[in-house]
N, C-alpha and C. Protein backbone atom coordinates (compact mmCIF):
# COMPACT_ATOMS: atom_id res chain seq x y z
N MET A 1 22.80 -4.24 0.30
CA MET A 1 21.37 -4.05 0.44
C MET A 1 20.97 -4.36 1.87
N GLN A 2 20.15 -3.50 2.44
CA GLN A 2 19.63 -3.71 3.78
C GLN A 2 18.12 -3.81 3.71
N GLY A 3 17.56 -4.94 4.14
CA GLY A 3 16.12 -5.14 4.10
C GLY A 3 15.75 -6.30 3.20
N ASN A 4 14.46 -6.59 3.13
CA ASN A 4 13.96 -7.71 2.36
C ASN A 4 13.05 -7.20 1.24
N PRO A 5 13.39 -7.43 -0.04
CA PRO A 5 12.56 -6.94 -1.15
C PRO A 5 11.15 -7.51 -1.16
N SER A 6 10.96 -8.72 -0.62
CA SER A 6 9.63 -9.34 -0.66
C SER A 6 8.62 -8.60 0.22
N GLN A 7 9.09 -7.81 1.19
CA GLN A 7 8.18 -7.03 2.03
C GLN A 7 7.52 -5.88 1.28
N PHE A 8 8.01 -5.59 0.08
CA PHE A 8 7.50 -4.44 -0.67
C PHE A 8 6.64 -4.86 -1.85
N GLU A 9 6.25 -6.14 -1.87
CA GLU A 9 5.26 -6.59 -2.86
C GLU A 9 3.89 -6.09 -2.41
N SER A 10 2.94 -6.11 -3.32
CA SER A 10 1.60 -5.64 -2.99
C SER A 10 0.58 -6.61 -3.56
N ILE A 11 -0.45 -6.92 -2.78
CA ILE A 11 -1.49 -7.82 -3.29
C ILE A 11 -2.48 -7.06 -4.16
N GLY A 12 -2.51 -5.74 -4.06
CA GLY A 12 -3.43 -4.95 -4.86
C GLY A 12 -2.97 -4.83 -6.29
N SER A 13 -3.90 -4.60 -7.18
CA SER A 13 -3.55 -4.50 -8.60
C SER A 13 -3.02 -3.12 -8.96
N ARG A 14 -3.34 -2.11 -8.20
CA ARG A 14 -2.89 -0.75 -8.50
C ARG A 14 -2.31 -0.11 -7.24
N LEU A 15 -1.26 0.67 -7.43
CA LEU A 15 -0.72 1.45 -6.32
C LEU A 15 -0.91 2.93 -6.63
N GLY A 16 -0.19 3.47 -7.59
CA GLY A 16 -0.36 4.86 -7.97
C GLY A 16 0.46 5.83 -7.15
N PHE A 17 1.79 5.69 -7.21
CA PHE A 17 2.68 6.63 -6.53
C PHE A 17 2.59 7.99 -7.21
N SER A 18 2.75 9.04 -6.44
CA SER A 18 2.84 10.38 -7.01
C SER A 18 4.19 10.97 -6.62
N VAL A 19 4.71 11.84 -7.48
CA VAL A 19 6.00 12.47 -7.22
C VAL A 19 5.78 13.55 -6.17
N GLU A 20 6.40 13.36 -5.00
CA GLU A 20 6.26 14.31 -3.91
C GLU A 20 7.29 15.42 -4.01
N GLU A 21 8.51 15.06 -4.39
CA GLU A 21 9.59 16.03 -4.50
C GLU A 21 10.57 15.55 -5.57
N GLU A 22 11.01 16.48 -6.41
CA GLU A 22 11.97 16.13 -7.45
C GLU A 22 12.98 17.26 -7.58
N THR A 23 14.21 16.96 -7.16
CA THR A 23 15.32 17.89 -7.26
C THR A 23 16.49 17.12 -7.88
N PRO A 24 17.57 17.82 -8.26
CA PRO A 24 18.74 17.09 -8.78
C PRO A 24 19.35 16.13 -7.75
N GLU A 25 19.20 16.43 -6.45
CA GLU A 25 19.79 15.59 -5.40
C GLU A 25 18.92 14.39 -5.05
N LYS A 26 17.59 14.55 -5.13
CA LYS A 26 16.72 13.43 -4.74
C LYS A 26 15.36 13.51 -5.42
N THR A 27 14.78 12.34 -5.58
CA THR A 27 13.42 12.21 -6.09
C THR A 27 12.65 11.38 -5.08
N SER A 28 11.52 11.90 -4.64
CA SER A 28 10.71 11.23 -3.63
C SER A 28 9.33 10.92 -4.19
N LEU A 29 8.93 9.64 -4.11
CA LEU A 29 7.61 9.20 -4.55
C LEU A 29 6.81 8.80 -3.32
N LEU A 30 5.50 9.07 -3.33
CA LEU A 30 4.66 8.81 -2.17
C LEU A 30 3.36 8.13 -2.60
N TRP A 31 2.95 7.11 -1.83
CA TRP A 31 1.64 6.46 -1.99
C TRP A 31 0.98 6.44 -0.63
N ARG A 32 -0.19 6.99 -0.54
CA ARG A 32 -0.96 6.94 0.70
C ARG A 32 -2.02 5.86 0.55
N GLY A 33 -2.34 5.21 1.65
CA GLY A 33 -3.23 4.04 1.67
C GLY A 33 -4.57 4.24 1.01
N ALA A 34 -5.35 3.18 1.05
CA ALA A 34 -6.67 3.16 0.43
C ALA A 34 -7.59 4.13 1.15
N ARG A 35 -7.84 5.28 0.56
CA ARG A 35 -8.61 6.33 1.21
C ARG A 35 -10.11 6.01 1.25
N PHE A 36 -10.66 5.49 0.16
CA PHE A 36 -12.11 5.26 0.13
C PHE A 36 -12.56 4.27 1.20
N PRO A 37 -11.95 3.07 1.31
CA PRO A 37 -12.39 2.17 2.38
C PRO A 37 -12.17 2.75 3.77
N ALA A 38 -11.10 3.53 3.94
CA ALA A 38 -10.83 4.13 5.25
C ALA A 38 -11.92 5.14 5.62
N LEU A 39 -12.28 5.98 4.67
CA LEU A 39 -13.32 6.98 4.94
C LEU A 39 -14.69 6.33 5.09
N LEU A 40 -14.92 5.24 4.37
CA LEU A 40 -16.17 4.50 4.53
C LEU A 40 -16.28 3.92 5.94
N CYS A 41 -15.21 3.28 6.41
CA CYS A 41 -15.20 2.74 7.78
C CYS A 41 -15.37 3.86 8.81
N LEU A 42 -14.74 4.98 8.56
CA LEU A 42 -14.85 6.12 9.48
C LEU A 42 -16.28 6.65 9.51
N GLY A 43 -16.93 6.72 8.36
CA GLY A 43 -18.31 7.18 8.29
C GLY A 43 -19.27 6.22 9.01
N ILE A 44 -19.06 4.92 8.81
CA ILE A 44 -19.91 3.93 9.50
C ILE A 44 -19.66 3.98 11.00
N ALA A 45 -18.41 4.14 11.40
CA ALA A 45 -18.10 4.23 12.83
C ALA A 45 -18.74 5.47 13.44
N ALA A 46 -18.75 6.58 12.72
CA ALA A 46 -19.39 7.80 13.23
C ALA A 46 -20.90 7.61 13.35
N THR A 47 -21.50 6.90 12.39
CA THR A 47 -22.93 6.62 12.45
C THR A 47 -23.25 5.70 13.62
N LEU A 48 -22.43 4.66 13.81
CA LEU A 48 -22.65 3.74 14.93
C LEU A 48 -22.42 4.41 16.27
N LEU A 49 -21.64 5.50 16.28
CA LEU A 49 -21.40 6.22 17.52
C LEU A 49 -22.71 6.80 18.07
N LEU A 50 -23.62 7.20 17.15
CA LEU A 50 -24.92 7.72 17.58
C LEU A 50 -25.73 6.65 18.31
N LEU A 51 -25.54 5.38 17.96
CA LEU A 51 -26.21 4.28 18.66
C LEU A 51 -25.42 3.81 19.87
N SER A 52 -24.11 3.87 19.76
CA SER A 52 -23.26 3.30 20.81
C SER A 52 -23.30 4.08 22.11
N ILE A 53 -23.35 5.39 22.04
CA ILE A 53 -23.32 6.21 23.26
C ILE A 53 -24.53 5.91 24.15
N PRO A 54 -25.77 5.90 23.62
CA PRO A 54 -26.89 5.56 24.51
C PRO A 54 -26.82 4.12 25.02
N ILE A 55 -26.30 3.19 24.22
CA ILE A 55 -26.19 1.80 24.66
C ILE A 55 -25.18 1.68 25.80
N ILE A 56 -24.05 2.35 25.66
CA ILE A 56 -23.03 2.33 26.71
C ILE A 56 -23.59 2.95 28.00
N GLU A 57 -24.32 4.05 27.84
CA GLU A 57 -24.90 4.72 29.02
C GLU A 57 -25.92 3.81 29.71
N ALA A 58 -26.76 3.12 28.92
CA ALA A 58 -27.76 2.22 29.49
C ALA A 58 -27.09 1.04 30.20
N ILE A 59 -26.04 0.50 29.61
CA ILE A 59 -25.32 -0.61 30.24
C ILE A 59 -24.63 -0.13 31.51
N ARG A 60 -24.12 1.08 31.49
CA ARG A 60 -23.46 1.64 32.67
C ARG A 60 -24.45 1.81 33.82
N LEU A 61 -25.67 2.27 33.49
CA LEU A 61 -26.67 2.52 34.53
C LEU A 61 -27.30 1.24 35.08
N ARG A 62 -27.64 0.29 34.16
CA ARG A 62 -28.40 -0.88 34.60
C ARG A 62 -27.61 -2.18 34.54
N GLY A 63 -26.37 -2.11 34.05
CA GLY A 63 -25.55 -3.33 33.96
C GLY A 63 -26.00 -4.23 32.81
N PHE A 64 -25.50 -5.44 32.83
CA PHE A 64 -25.83 -6.39 31.76
C PHE A 64 -27.15 -7.12 32.03
N GLU A 65 -27.95 -6.63 32.97
CA GLU A 65 -29.27 -7.23 33.26
C GLU A 65 -30.36 -6.50 32.49
N GLY A 66 -30.13 -5.27 32.09
CA GLY A 66 -31.18 -4.45 31.47
C GLY A 66 -31.43 -4.81 30.02
N PRO A 67 -32.42 -4.13 29.41
CA PRO A 67 -32.78 -4.42 28.02
C PRO A 67 -31.70 -4.06 27.01
N ALA A 68 -30.82 -3.12 27.32
CA ALA A 68 -29.76 -2.72 26.38
C ALA A 68 -28.57 -3.66 26.40
N ALA A 69 -28.56 -4.61 27.34
CA ALA A 69 -27.41 -5.51 27.47
C ALA A 69 -27.20 -6.37 26.24
N SER A 70 -28.28 -6.69 25.53
CA SER A 70 -28.14 -7.55 24.34
C SER A 70 -27.56 -6.78 23.16
N LEU A 71 -27.39 -5.48 23.29
CA LEU A 71 -26.84 -4.67 22.21
C LEU A 71 -25.38 -4.27 22.46
N TRP A 72 -24.69 -5.02 23.30
CA TRP A 72 -23.31 -4.72 23.65
C TRP A 72 -22.38 -4.70 22.44
N TYR A 73 -22.77 -5.40 21.36
CA TYR A 73 -21.88 -5.53 20.20
C TYR A 73 -21.80 -4.24 19.38
N PHE A 74 -22.76 -3.30 19.50
CA PHE A 74 -22.68 -2.06 18.74
C PHE A 74 -21.44 -1.24 19.12
N PRO A 75 -21.16 -1.01 20.39
CA PRO A 75 -19.92 -0.29 20.72
C PRO A 75 -18.66 -1.05 20.30
N VAL A 76 -18.71 -2.38 20.38
CA VAL A 76 -17.55 -3.17 19.97
C VAL A 76 -17.32 -3.03 18.46
N MET A 77 -18.41 -3.12 17.67
CA MET A 77 -18.28 -2.91 16.22
C MET A 77 -17.75 -1.52 15.91
N ASN A 78 -18.21 -0.55 16.68
CA ASN A 78 -17.76 0.82 16.48
C ASN A 78 -16.25 0.93 16.68
N LEU A 79 -15.73 0.32 17.74
CA LEU A 79 -14.28 0.35 18.00
C LEU A 79 -13.50 -0.38 16.91
N ILE A 80 -14.03 -1.51 16.46
CA ILE A 80 -13.34 -2.27 15.41
C ILE A 80 -13.27 -1.46 14.12
N LEU A 81 -14.39 -0.87 13.71
CA LEU A 81 -14.40 -0.06 12.48
C LEU A 81 -13.49 1.15 12.61
N LEU A 82 -13.47 1.75 13.79
CA LEU A 82 -12.58 2.89 14.00
C LEU A 82 -11.12 2.47 13.90
N GLY A 83 -10.79 1.29 14.46
CA GLY A 83 -9.42 0.77 14.35
C GLY A 83 -9.03 0.48 12.91
N ILE A 84 -9.94 -0.11 12.14
CA ILE A 84 -9.66 -0.39 10.72
C ILE A 84 -9.44 0.92 9.96
N ALA A 85 -10.28 1.92 10.22
CA ALA A 85 -10.13 3.21 9.54
C ALA A 85 -8.79 3.86 9.85
N VAL A 86 -8.40 3.84 11.13
CA VAL A 86 -7.11 4.43 11.52
C VAL A 86 -5.96 3.68 10.86
N TYR A 87 -6.05 2.35 10.82
CA TYR A 87 -4.99 1.55 10.18
C TYR A 87 -4.89 1.90 8.69
N LEU A 88 -6.02 1.93 7.99
CA LEU A 88 -6.00 2.23 6.55
C LEU A 88 -5.50 3.64 6.27
N LEU A 89 -5.86 4.58 7.12
CA LEU A 89 -5.37 5.95 6.93
C LEU A 89 -3.88 6.08 7.22
N SER A 90 -3.33 5.18 8.03
CA SER A 90 -1.92 5.26 8.37
C SER A 90 -1.01 4.60 7.34
N LEU A 91 -1.58 3.82 6.41
CA LEU A 91 -0.75 3.14 5.41
C LEU A 91 -0.07 4.17 4.51
N GLN A 92 1.23 3.97 4.32
CA GLN A 92 1.99 4.88 3.47
C GLN A 92 3.23 4.16 2.95
N ARG A 93 3.54 4.40 1.69
CA ARG A 93 4.76 3.88 1.09
C ARG A 93 5.52 5.05 0.48
N THR A 94 6.82 5.05 0.67
CA THR A 94 7.65 6.08 0.04
C THR A 94 8.83 5.41 -0.65
N ILE A 95 9.24 6.01 -1.75
CA ILE A 95 10.44 5.59 -2.47
C ILE A 95 11.29 6.85 -2.63
N LEU A 96 12.51 6.78 -2.14
CA LEU A 96 13.42 7.93 -2.20
C LEU A 96 14.64 7.53 -3.01
N LEU A 97 14.89 8.24 -4.10
CA LEU A 97 16.11 8.06 -4.88
C LEU A 97 17.06 9.18 -4.46
N ASP A 98 18.04 8.82 -3.64
CA ASP A 98 18.96 9.78 -3.04
C ASP A 98 20.26 9.78 -3.82
N SER A 99 20.44 10.79 -4.69
CA SER A 99 21.65 10.87 -5.52
C SER A 99 22.88 11.22 -4.71
N ALA A 100 22.70 11.97 -3.62
CA ALA A 100 23.84 12.36 -2.79
C ALA A 100 24.47 11.14 -2.12
N ASN A 101 23.64 10.24 -1.58
CA ASN A 101 24.15 9.02 -0.94
C ASN A 101 24.18 7.83 -1.88
N ARG A 102 23.72 8.01 -3.12
CA ARG A 102 23.70 6.98 -4.16
C ARG A 102 23.00 5.71 -3.66
N GLN A 103 21.75 5.87 -3.20
CA GLN A 103 20.97 4.73 -2.79
C GLN A 103 19.47 4.98 -3.00
N VAL A 104 18.73 3.89 -3.15
CA VAL A 104 17.28 3.94 -3.25
C VAL A 104 16.74 3.41 -1.92
N VAL A 105 15.87 4.20 -1.28
CA VAL A 105 15.31 3.81 0.02
C VAL A 105 13.80 3.61 -0.14
N PHE A 106 13.37 2.39 0.16
CA PHE A 106 11.94 2.06 0.17
C PHE A 106 11.49 2.04 1.62
N ARG A 107 10.34 2.65 1.90
CA ARG A 107 9.81 2.64 3.27
C ARG A 107 8.31 2.33 3.19
N LYS A 108 7.89 1.35 3.97
CA LYS A 108 6.48 0.95 4.05
C LYS A 108 6.07 1.13 5.51
N ARG A 109 5.06 1.99 5.77
CA ARG A 109 4.74 2.37 7.13
C ARG A 109 3.25 2.20 7.41
N SER A 110 2.97 1.75 8.61
CA SER A 110 1.60 1.73 9.14
C SER A 110 1.71 1.94 10.64
N ILE A 111 0.57 1.98 11.35
CA ILE A 111 0.64 2.17 12.80
C ILE A 111 1.19 0.94 13.50
N ILE A 112 1.19 -0.20 12.82
CA ILE A 112 1.67 -1.44 13.42
C ILE A 112 3.19 -1.58 13.29
N ARG A 113 3.71 -1.31 12.08
CA ARG A 113 5.15 -1.49 11.88
C ARG A 113 5.64 -0.66 10.71
N THR A 114 6.96 -0.56 10.62
CA THR A 114 7.62 0.13 9.52
C THR A 114 8.70 -0.79 8.97
N ALA A 115 8.73 -0.93 7.65
CA ALA A 115 9.75 -1.74 6.98
C ALA A 115 10.56 -0.82 6.07
N THR A 116 11.87 -1.04 6.04
CA THR A 116 12.76 -0.21 5.22
C THR A 116 13.67 -1.12 4.40
N LEU A 117 13.90 -0.71 3.17
CA LEU A 117 14.83 -1.41 2.28
C LEU A 117 15.73 -0.35 1.65
N CYS A 118 17.05 -0.50 1.81
CA CYS A 118 18.03 0.41 1.23
C CYS A 118 18.84 -0.35 0.19
N VAL A 119 18.84 0.16 -1.04
CA VAL A 119 19.56 -0.48 -2.13
C VAL A 119 20.54 0.53 -2.72
N PRO A 120 21.86 0.26 -2.64
CA PRO A 120 22.83 1.17 -3.27
C PRO A 120 22.67 1.16 -4.80
N TYR A 121 22.98 2.28 -5.43
CA TYR A 121 22.89 2.38 -6.88
C TYR A 121 23.73 1.30 -7.57
N ASP A 122 24.85 0.89 -6.94
CA ASP A 122 25.73 -0.11 -7.55
C ASP A 122 25.05 -1.47 -7.68
N GLU A 123 24.05 -1.75 -6.83
CA GLU A 123 23.36 -3.03 -6.88
C GLU A 123 22.14 -3.02 -7.81
N VAL A 124 21.88 -1.88 -8.43
CA VAL A 124 20.75 -1.76 -9.35
C VAL A 124 21.24 -1.99 -10.77
N ARG A 125 20.65 -2.98 -11.44
CA ARG A 125 21.01 -3.26 -12.83
C ARG A 125 20.20 -2.41 -13.80
N GLY A 126 18.95 -2.11 -13.43
CA GLY A 126 18.10 -1.30 -14.30
C GLY A 126 16.66 -1.33 -13.83
N LEU A 127 15.78 -0.85 -14.70
CA LEU A 127 14.35 -0.85 -14.41
C LEU A 127 13.66 -1.68 -15.49
N ARG A 128 12.55 -2.32 -15.11
CA ARG A 128 11.82 -3.13 -16.08
C ARG A 128 10.33 -2.80 -16.00
N LEU A 129 9.78 -2.44 -17.16
CA LEU A 129 8.34 -2.24 -17.28
C LEU A 129 7.78 -3.50 -17.91
N GLY A 130 6.98 -4.22 -17.14
CA GLY A 130 6.43 -5.49 -17.62
C GLY A 130 5.02 -5.67 -17.08
N ALA A 131 4.68 -6.92 -16.83
CA ALA A 131 3.35 -7.23 -16.30
C ALA A 131 3.47 -8.21 -15.14
N ASP A 132 2.70 -7.98 -14.10
CA ASP A 132 2.58 -8.90 -12.96
C ASP A 132 1.26 -9.63 -13.08
N GLN A 133 1.25 -10.89 -12.68
CA GLN A 133 -0.01 -11.63 -12.62
C GLN A 133 -0.63 -11.37 -11.26
N VAL A 134 -1.80 -10.74 -11.24
CA VAL A 134 -2.47 -10.35 -10.01
C VAL A 134 -3.80 -11.08 -9.92
N TYR A 135 -4.13 -11.52 -8.73
CA TYR A 135 -5.41 -12.21 -8.51
C TYR A 135 -6.56 -11.23 -8.60
N SER A 136 -7.65 -11.68 -9.24
CA SER A 136 -8.83 -10.82 -9.40
C SER A 136 -9.70 -10.81 -8.17
N GLY A 137 -9.56 -11.77 -7.28
CA GLY A 137 -10.38 -11.82 -6.08
C GLY A 137 -10.03 -13.05 -5.28
N PHE A 138 -10.73 -13.25 -4.21
CA PHE A 138 -10.45 -14.38 -3.33
C PHE A 138 -11.29 -15.57 -3.74
N ALA A 139 -10.70 -16.75 -3.71
CA ALA A 139 -11.43 -17.97 -3.99
C ALA A 139 -12.16 -18.39 -2.72
N VAL A 140 -13.42 -18.73 -2.87
CA VAL A 140 -14.23 -19.11 -1.73
C VAL A 140 -14.69 -20.56 -1.92
N ALA A 141 -14.39 -21.41 -0.94
CA ALA A 141 -14.84 -22.81 -0.91
C ALA A 141 -14.47 -23.55 -2.20
N GLY A 142 -13.27 -23.35 -2.67
CA GLY A 142 -12.78 -24.09 -3.83
C GLY A 142 -13.28 -23.56 -5.17
N SER A 143 -13.91 -22.39 -5.18
CA SER A 143 -14.39 -21.84 -6.44
C SER A 143 -13.21 -21.34 -7.27
N SER A 144 -13.47 -21.07 -8.51
CA SER A 144 -12.40 -20.59 -9.39
C SER A 144 -12.46 -19.07 -9.54
N ALA A 145 -12.98 -18.39 -8.52
CA ALA A 145 -13.12 -16.93 -8.59
C ALA A 145 -11.77 -16.22 -8.58
N ALA A 146 -10.76 -16.84 -8.02
CA ALA A 146 -9.46 -16.18 -7.89
C ALA A 146 -8.60 -16.45 -9.12
N GLN A 147 -8.98 -15.89 -10.23
CA GLN A 147 -8.20 -16.01 -11.46
C GLN A 147 -7.18 -14.88 -11.51
N THR A 148 -6.09 -15.11 -12.22
CA THR A 148 -5.08 -14.06 -12.34
C THR A 148 -5.23 -13.34 -13.68
N TYR A 149 -4.78 -12.10 -13.69
CA TYR A 149 -4.77 -11.32 -14.92
C TYR A 149 -3.55 -10.41 -14.89
N PRO A 150 -3.03 -10.04 -16.06
CA PRO A 150 -1.81 -9.22 -16.09
C PRO A 150 -2.10 -7.76 -15.81
N VAL A 151 -1.23 -7.15 -15.00
CA VAL A 151 -1.31 -5.72 -14.67
C VAL A 151 0.06 -5.12 -14.94
N PRO A 152 0.14 -3.99 -15.66
CA PRO A 152 1.43 -3.35 -15.90
C PRO A 152 2.12 -2.98 -14.58
N SER A 153 3.42 -3.27 -14.53
CA SER A 153 4.18 -2.97 -13.31
C SER A 153 5.56 -2.44 -13.67
N LEU A 154 6.08 -1.61 -12.80
CA LEU A 154 7.43 -1.07 -12.93
C LEU A 154 8.25 -1.63 -11.79
N ARG A 155 9.36 -2.29 -12.12
CA ARG A 155 10.20 -2.94 -11.10
C ARG A 155 11.64 -2.49 -11.24
N LEU A 156 12.31 -2.46 -10.09
CA LEU A 156 13.74 -2.21 -10.02
C LEU A 156 14.43 -3.57 -10.09
N VAL A 157 15.31 -3.76 -11.05
CA VAL A 157 16.01 -5.04 -11.21
C VAL A 157 17.38 -4.92 -10.56
N LEU A 158 17.66 -5.84 -9.63
CA LEU A 158 18.93 -5.81 -8.91
C LEU A 158 19.95 -6.74 -9.56
N THR A 159 21.22 -6.55 -9.23
CA THR A 159 22.28 -7.34 -9.85
C THR A 159 22.18 -8.82 -9.51
N GLY A 160 21.60 -9.16 -8.37
CA GLY A 160 21.45 -10.56 -7.97
C GLY A 160 20.28 -11.25 -8.64
N GLY A 161 19.53 -10.55 -9.49
CA GLY A 161 18.39 -11.14 -10.17
C GLY A 161 17.06 -10.85 -9.48
N GLU A 162 17.09 -10.34 -8.24
CA GLU A 162 15.86 -10.01 -7.55
C GLU A 162 15.25 -8.74 -8.14
N THR A 163 13.96 -8.59 -7.94
CA THR A 163 13.29 -7.36 -8.37
C THR A 163 12.52 -6.77 -7.19
N VAL A 164 12.36 -5.46 -7.21
CA VAL A 164 11.60 -4.75 -6.18
C VAL A 164 10.50 -3.98 -6.90
N LEU A 165 9.27 -4.17 -6.45
CA LEU A 165 8.13 -3.48 -7.05
C LEU A 165 8.20 -1.99 -6.76
N LEU A 166 8.17 -1.19 -7.83
CA LEU A 166 8.10 0.26 -7.67
C LEU A 166 6.65 0.72 -7.71
N ASP A 167 5.91 0.32 -8.75
CA ASP A 167 4.54 0.79 -8.89
C ASP A 167 3.78 -0.11 -9.86
N ARG A 168 2.46 -0.08 -9.74
CA ARG A 168 1.56 -0.72 -10.69
C ARG A 168 0.52 0.31 -11.10
N GLY A 169 0.03 0.17 -12.32
CA GLY A 169 -1.00 1.11 -12.78
C GLY A 169 -1.07 1.11 -14.28
N GLY A 170 -1.39 2.27 -14.86
CA GLY A 170 -1.50 2.42 -16.31
C GLY A 170 -0.13 2.36 -16.97
N ARG A 171 -0.09 1.71 -18.12
CA ARG A 171 1.19 1.50 -18.81
C ARG A 171 1.85 2.82 -19.22
N ARG A 172 1.10 3.76 -19.73
CA ARG A 172 1.68 5.03 -20.18
C ARG A 172 2.27 5.81 -18.99
N ARG A 173 1.52 5.85 -17.88
CA ARG A 173 2.01 6.55 -16.68
C ARG A 173 3.27 5.89 -16.15
N LEU A 174 3.29 4.54 -16.13
CA LEU A 174 4.48 3.83 -15.65
C LEU A 174 5.67 4.03 -16.57
N GLU A 175 5.42 4.13 -17.88
CA GLU A 175 6.52 4.35 -18.82
C GLU A 175 7.13 5.73 -18.60
N ASN A 176 6.30 6.75 -18.39
CA ASN A 176 6.81 8.09 -18.10
C ASN A 176 7.60 8.11 -16.78
N LEU A 177 7.03 7.45 -15.75
CA LEU A 177 7.72 7.37 -14.46
C LEU A 177 9.03 6.61 -14.60
N GLY A 178 9.03 5.52 -15.35
CA GLY A 178 10.24 4.72 -15.56
C GLY A 178 11.34 5.52 -16.24
N LYS A 179 10.99 6.34 -17.22
CA LYS A 179 11.98 7.17 -17.92
C LYS A 179 12.59 8.20 -16.97
N ARG A 180 11.75 8.79 -16.12
CA ARG A 180 12.26 9.78 -15.16
C ARG A 180 13.20 9.12 -14.15
N LEU A 181 12.79 7.96 -13.63
CA LEU A 181 13.63 7.27 -12.64
C LEU A 181 14.90 6.72 -13.28
N SER A 182 14.79 6.27 -14.53
CA SER A 182 15.96 5.75 -15.25
C SER A 182 17.01 6.86 -15.42
N ALA A 183 16.54 8.06 -15.76
CA ALA A 183 17.47 9.19 -15.91
C ALA A 183 18.09 9.56 -14.57
N CYS A 184 17.30 9.49 -13.50
CA CYS A 184 17.80 9.83 -12.16
C CYS A 184 18.84 8.81 -11.70
N LEU A 185 18.58 7.51 -11.96
CA LEU A 185 19.50 6.45 -11.54
C LEU A 185 20.69 6.29 -12.47
N GLY A 186 20.52 6.70 -13.73
CA GLY A 186 21.56 6.46 -14.72
C GLY A 186 21.60 4.99 -15.14
N LYS A 187 20.44 4.32 -15.10
CA LYS A 187 20.33 2.90 -15.44
C LYS A 187 19.32 2.74 -16.56
N PRO A 188 19.44 1.68 -17.38
CA PRO A 188 18.52 1.51 -18.51
C PRO A 188 17.12 1.08 -18.08
N LEU A 189 16.14 1.45 -18.90
CA LEU A 189 14.77 1.02 -18.71
C LEU A 189 14.42 0.00 -19.77
N GLU A 190 14.09 -1.21 -19.33
CA GLU A 190 13.72 -2.30 -20.24
C GLU A 190 12.20 -2.34 -20.31
N ILE A 191 11.65 -2.22 -21.52
CA ILE A 191 10.20 -2.25 -21.70
C ILE A 191 9.82 -3.56 -22.36
N ALA A 192 9.12 -4.41 -21.61
CA ALA A 192 8.70 -5.71 -22.12
C ALA A 192 7.35 -5.56 -22.78
N GLU A 193 7.08 -6.44 -23.74
CA GLU A 193 5.76 -6.45 -24.37
C GLU A 193 4.75 -6.93 -23.36
N GLY A 194 3.59 -6.33 -23.37
CA GLY A 194 2.59 -6.75 -22.41
C GLY A 194 1.32 -5.94 -22.56
N PRO A 195 0.43 -6.01 -21.55
CA PRO A 195 -0.85 -5.32 -21.65
C PRO A 195 -0.71 -3.81 -21.62
């Protein structure tokens, strides 16, 4: 095995991989980042651009002595929101089951970095459909808001006892995906009782 399985955990409760390509030689699953927050940030950044351009022009003409100098933070907020939108749009996860090379390749990519995990078929013991305990939110100032709740998850179980998260989501969808991947890998699918 090359890579670290813990890099492929997710703090979100749902992922939702879709089958990008399925042939006898390989099966490719793809998850693209959180689109709604990315488009929301992009929309706000575009709206702030209407305010930022005149502010930048006024600061350029009169410097930080003029009346527009106190509004310097609008262009800065615009750049920050644009950066967040680009980062969220660049998030991507892929899972490739390569039958020709007999390995599973996990890839997690963003504009900041790319992480890869390669697991040979020989190191895979099977697949497990179970439940992960996921936090419902962030605890603020010692509150009990960050409670955990079970979410159905599909994991690759390795011979060393480690597991690698494949997907989270609806139980029926994960069961169908697990059966397809189990047939592709030639490994058993263990279905645990759960939500």
